[in-house]
Amino acid sequence: MAAEKPGFEADIKPLFRARDRQSMTFAFDLYSFPDVSAHADRILERLKAGEMPCDREWPASQVELFERWVQTGKNP
């Protein structure tokens, strides 16, 4: 289980596949802490709706981890 305050490099970045990154390059880089931090609320909204990634929904545990990352200050 990830730490109470998950970090981008250790916990969040590994959730995104190379395919996810490539499909979002038109908008931002999913491997970039500044980019994901800036768009975190919208990413979370789309993850919760099952709209991201475009080819399958994340398991609830991954969505919850991303949400905890956002709620605990988006640690690097």
N, C-alpha and C. Protein backbone atom coordinates (compact mmCIF):
# COMPACT_ATOMS: atom_id res chain seq x y z
N MET A 1 0.85 -1.20 0.00
CA MET A 1 0.00 0.00 0.00
C MET A 1 0.88 1.24 0.00
N ALA A 2 0.46 2.23 -0.74
CA ALA A 2 1.22 3.48 -0.82
C ALA A 2 1.17 4.21 0.52
N ALA A 3 2.12 5.06 0.71
CA ALA A 3 2.19 5.87 1.93
C ALA A 3 0.93 6.72 2.09
N GLU A 4 0.69 7.19 3.30
CA GLU A 4 -0.46 8.06 3.55
C GLU A 4 -0.44 9.28 2.64
N LYS A 5 0.76 9.81 2.40
CA LYS A 5 0.91 10.94 1.48
C LYS A 5 1.67 10.42 0.26
N PRO A 6 0.93 9.92 -0.72
CA PRO A 6 1.61 9.38 -1.90
C PRO A 6 2.38 10.47 -2.64
N GLY A 7 3.43 10.06 -3.32
CA GLY A 7 4.23 10.97 -4.12
C GLY A 7 4.07 10.69 -5.60
N PHE A 8 4.30 11.70 -6.40
CA PHE A 8 4.14 11.55 -7.85
C PHE A 8 5.10 10.52 -8.41
N GLU A 9 6.38 10.67 -8.15
CA GLU A 9 7.38 9.77 -8.75
C GLU A 9 7.20 8.33 -8.33
N ALA A 10 6.96 8.10 -7.05
CA ALA A 10 6.89 6.74 -6.52
C ALA A 10 5.53 6.08 -6.73
N ASP A 11 4.46 6.85 -6.65
CA ASP A 11 3.13 6.26 -6.61
C ASP A 11 2.22 6.59 -7.79
N ILE A 12 2.30 7.79 -8.31
CA ILE A 12 1.36 8.24 -9.34
C ILE A 12 1.88 8.02 -10.75
N LYS A 13 3.07 8.45 -11.02
CA LYS A 13 3.63 8.29 -12.36
C LYS A 13 3.58 6.84 -12.85
N PRO A 14 3.90 5.85 -11.99
CA PRO A 14 3.84 4.45 -12.45
C PRO A 14 2.44 3.96 -12.83
N LEU A 15 1.40 4.67 -12.43
CA LEU A 15 0.04 4.28 -12.80
C LEU A 15 -0.24 4.52 -14.27
N PHE A 16 0.47 5.47 -14.86
CA PHE A 16 0.25 5.81 -16.26
C PHE A 16 1.16 4.99 -17.15
N ARG A 17 0.56 4.34 -18.12
CA ARG A 17 1.32 3.55 -19.09
C ARG A 17 1.87 4.46 -20.19
N ALA A 18 2.85 3.97 -20.92
CA ALA A 18 3.40 4.73 -22.04
C ALA A 18 2.28 5.07 -23.04
N ARG A 19 1.36 4.15 -23.22
CA ARG A 19 0.23 4.36 -24.13
C ARG A 19 -0.64 5.52 -23.64
N ASP A 20 -0.87 5.61 -22.33
CA ASP A 20 -1.66 6.71 -21.76
C ASP A 20 -0.96 8.04 -22.03
N ARG A 21 0.35 8.03 -21.79
CA ARG A 21 1.14 9.25 -21.99
C ARG A 21 1.05 9.71 -23.43
N GLN A 22 1.24 8.77 -24.35
CA GLN A 22 1.21 9.11 -25.77
C GLN A 22 -0.14 9.66 -26.19
N SER A 23 -1.21 9.09 -25.68
CA SER A 23 -2.54 9.55 -26.10
C SER A 23 -2.90 10.93 -25.55
N MET A 24 -2.18 11.40 -24.53
CA MET A 24 -2.48 12.70 -23.93
C MET A 24 -1.45 13.79 -24.29
N THR A 25 -0.46 13.47 -25.09
CA THR A 25 0.59 14.46 -25.39
C THR A 25 0.05 15.73 -26.03
N PHE A 26 -1.11 15.66 -26.67
CA PHE A 26 -1.68 16.87 -27.28
C PHE A 26 -2.06 17.89 -26.21
N ALA A 27 -2.29 17.43 -24.98
CA ALA A 27 -2.75 18.33 -23.91
C ALA A 27 -1.69 18.57 -22.84
N PHE A 28 -1.04 17.50 -22.40
CA PHE A 28 -0.01 17.59 -21.36
C PHE A 28 0.71 16.26 -21.25
N ASP A 29 1.78 16.25 -20.47
CA ASP A 29 2.63 15.07 -20.30
C ASP A 29 2.29 14.37 -18.99
N LEU A 30 1.77 13.16 -19.07
CA LEU A 30 1.41 12.41 -17.87
C LEU A 30 2.61 11.95 -17.06
N TYR A 31 3.81 12.08 -17.60
CA TYR A 31 5.02 11.73 -16.85
C TYR A 31 5.67 12.96 -16.22
N SER A 32 5.01 14.11 -16.34
CA SER A 32 5.54 15.38 -15.83
C SER A 32 4.78 15.78 -14.57
N PHE A 33 5.50 15.89 -13.46
CA PHE A 33 4.88 16.31 -12.21
C PHE A 33 4.17 17.66 -12.35
N PRO A 34 4.83 18.70 -12.94
CA PRO A 34 4.12 19.98 -13.08
C PRO A 34 2.85 19.88 -13.93
N ASP A 35 2.89 19.10 -15.00
CA ASP A 35 1.73 18.97 -15.87
C ASP A 35 0.58 18.25 -15.16
N VAL A 36 0.88 17.12 -14.54
CA VAL A 36 -0.17 16.35 -13.88
C VAL A 36 -0.72 17.14 -12.69
N SER A 37 0.14 17.82 -11.96
CA SER A 37 -0.32 18.64 -10.84
C SER A 37 -1.28 19.73 -11.32
N ALA A 38 -0.93 20.38 -12.41
CA ALA A 38 -1.76 21.47 -12.92
C ALA A 38 -3.12 20.99 -13.41
N HIS A 39 -3.19 19.75 -13.87
CA HIS A 39 -4.43 19.21 -14.44
C HIS A 39 -5.05 18.13 -13.56
N ALA A 40 -4.60 18.01 -12.32
CA ALA A 40 -5.01 16.92 -11.44
C ALA A 40 -6.52 16.84 -11.22
N ASP A 41 -7.17 17.97 -11.03
CA ASP A 41 -8.61 17.93 -10.77
C ASP A 41 -9.38 17.38 -11.97
N ARG A 42 -9.01 17.81 -13.14
CA ARG A 42 -9.68 17.32 -14.36
C ARG A 42 -9.34 15.85 -14.61
N ILE A 43 -8.09 15.47 -14.38
CA ILE A 43 -7.70 14.06 -14.53
C ILE A 43 -8.53 13.20 -13.57
N LEU A 44 -8.62 13.62 -12.33
CA LEU A 44 -9.38 12.87 -11.33
C LEU A 44 -10.85 12.75 -11.74
N GLU A 45 -11.41 13.82 -12.22
CA GLU A 45 -12.81 13.81 -12.69
C GLU A 45 -13.00 12.76 -13.78
N ARG A 46 -12.08 12.73 -14.72
CA ARG A 46 -12.18 11.78 -15.84
C ARG A 46 -11.90 10.36 -15.39
N LEU A 47 -10.99 10.18 -14.43
CA LEU A 47 -10.73 8.84 -13.89
C LEU A 47 -11.97 8.30 -13.18
N LYS A 48 -12.60 9.14 -12.38
CA LYS A 48 -13.81 8.73 -11.65
C LYS A 48 -14.95 8.39 -12.60
N ALA A 49 -15.03 9.09 -13.71
CA ALA A 49 -16.09 8.85 -14.69
C ALA A 49 -15.79 7.65 -15.59
N GLY A 50 -14.58 7.09 -15.46
CA GLY A 50 -14.18 5.96 -16.31
C GLY A 50 -13.84 6.36 -17.72
N GLU A 51 -13.57 7.64 -17.94
CA GLU A 51 -13.25 8.16 -19.27
C GLU A 51 -11.75 8.20 -19.55
N MET A 52 -10.95 7.92 -18.56
CA MET A 52 -9.51 7.97 -18.71
C MET A 52 -8.93 6.83 -17.91
N PRO A 53 -7.98 6.11 -18.44
CA PRO A 53 -7.52 6.12 -19.83
C PRO A 53 -8.63 5.69 -20.78
N CYS A 54 -8.42 6.00 -22.05
CA CYS A 54 -9.51 5.83 -23.01
C CYS A 54 -9.81 4.37 -23.34
N ASP A 55 -8.89 3.45 -23.08
CA ASP A 55 -9.12 2.06 -23.47
C ASP A 55 -9.63 1.17 -22.35
N ARG A 56 -9.61 1.66 -21.11
CA ARG A 56 -10.11 0.86 -19.98
C ARG A 56 -10.17 1.74 -18.74
N GLU A 57 -11.03 1.35 -17.81
CA GLU A 57 -11.11 2.08 -16.54
C GLU A 57 -10.01 1.60 -15.61
N TRP A 58 -9.55 2.50 -14.75
CA TRP A 58 -8.64 2.11 -13.70
C TRP A 58 -9.42 1.36 -12.62
N PRO A 59 -8.76 0.43 -11.93
CA PRO A 59 -9.40 -0.17 -10.76
C PRO A 59 -9.65 0.93 -9.71
N ALA A 60 -10.66 0.72 -8.88
CA ALA A 60 -11.01 1.70 -7.85
C ALA A 60 -9.82 2.04 -6.96
N SER A 61 -8.97 1.08 -6.67
CA SER A 61 -7.81 1.34 -5.80
C SER A 61 -6.85 2.36 -6.41
N GLN A 62 -6.70 2.34 -7.73
CA GLN A 62 -5.83 3.31 -8.39
C GLN A 62 -6.46 4.70 -8.41
N VAL A 63 -7.75 4.76 -8.64
CA VAL A 63 -8.45 6.04 -8.62
C VAL A 63 -8.36 6.63 -7.21
N GLU A 64 -8.55 5.81 -6.20
CA GLU A 64 -8.46 6.26 -4.81
C GLU A 64 -7.06 6.76 -4.48
N LEU A 65 -6.03 6.09 -4.99
CA LEU A 65 -4.65 6.52 -4.76
C LEU A 65 -4.42 7.89 -5.39
N PHE A 66 -4.87 8.07 -6.63
CA PHE A 66 -4.72 9.36 -7.30
C PHE A 66 -5.46 10.44 -6.52
N GLU A 67 -6.67 10.13 -6.07
CA GLU A 67 -7.45 11.10 -5.30
C GLU A 67 -6.75 11.45 -3.99
N ARG A 68 -6.18 10.46 -3.32
CA ARG A 68 -5.45 10.73 -2.08
C ARG A 68 -4.23 11.61 -2.35
N TRP A 69 -3.57 11.39 -3.46
CA TRP A 69 -2.42 12.22 -3.85
C TRP A 69 -2.86 13.67 -3.99
N VAL A 70 -3.98 13.89 -4.66
CA VAL A 70 -4.51 15.25 -4.84
C VAL A 70 -4.88 15.86 -3.49
N GLN A 71 -5.59 15.10 -2.68
CA GLN A 71 -6.09 15.62 -1.40
C GLN A 71 -4.99 15.87 -0.37
N THR A 72 -3.85 15.20 -0.52
CA THR A 72 -2.76 15.38 0.45
C THR A 72 -1.68 16.33 -0.03
N GLY A 73 -1.97 17.10 -1.06
CA GLY A 73 -1.06 18.16 -1.47
C GLY A 73 -0.23 17.92 -2.72
N LYS A 74 -0.53 16.86 -3.46
CA LYS A 74 0.18 16.59 -4.72
C LYS A 74 1.70 16.59 -4.52
N ASN A 75 2.15 15.72 -3.65
CA ASN A 75 3.59 15.61 -3.36
C ASN A 75 4.37 15.13 -4.57
N PRO A 76 5.56 15.68 -4.75
CA PRO A 76 6.37 15.26 -5.91
C PRO A 76 6.84 13.85 -5.87
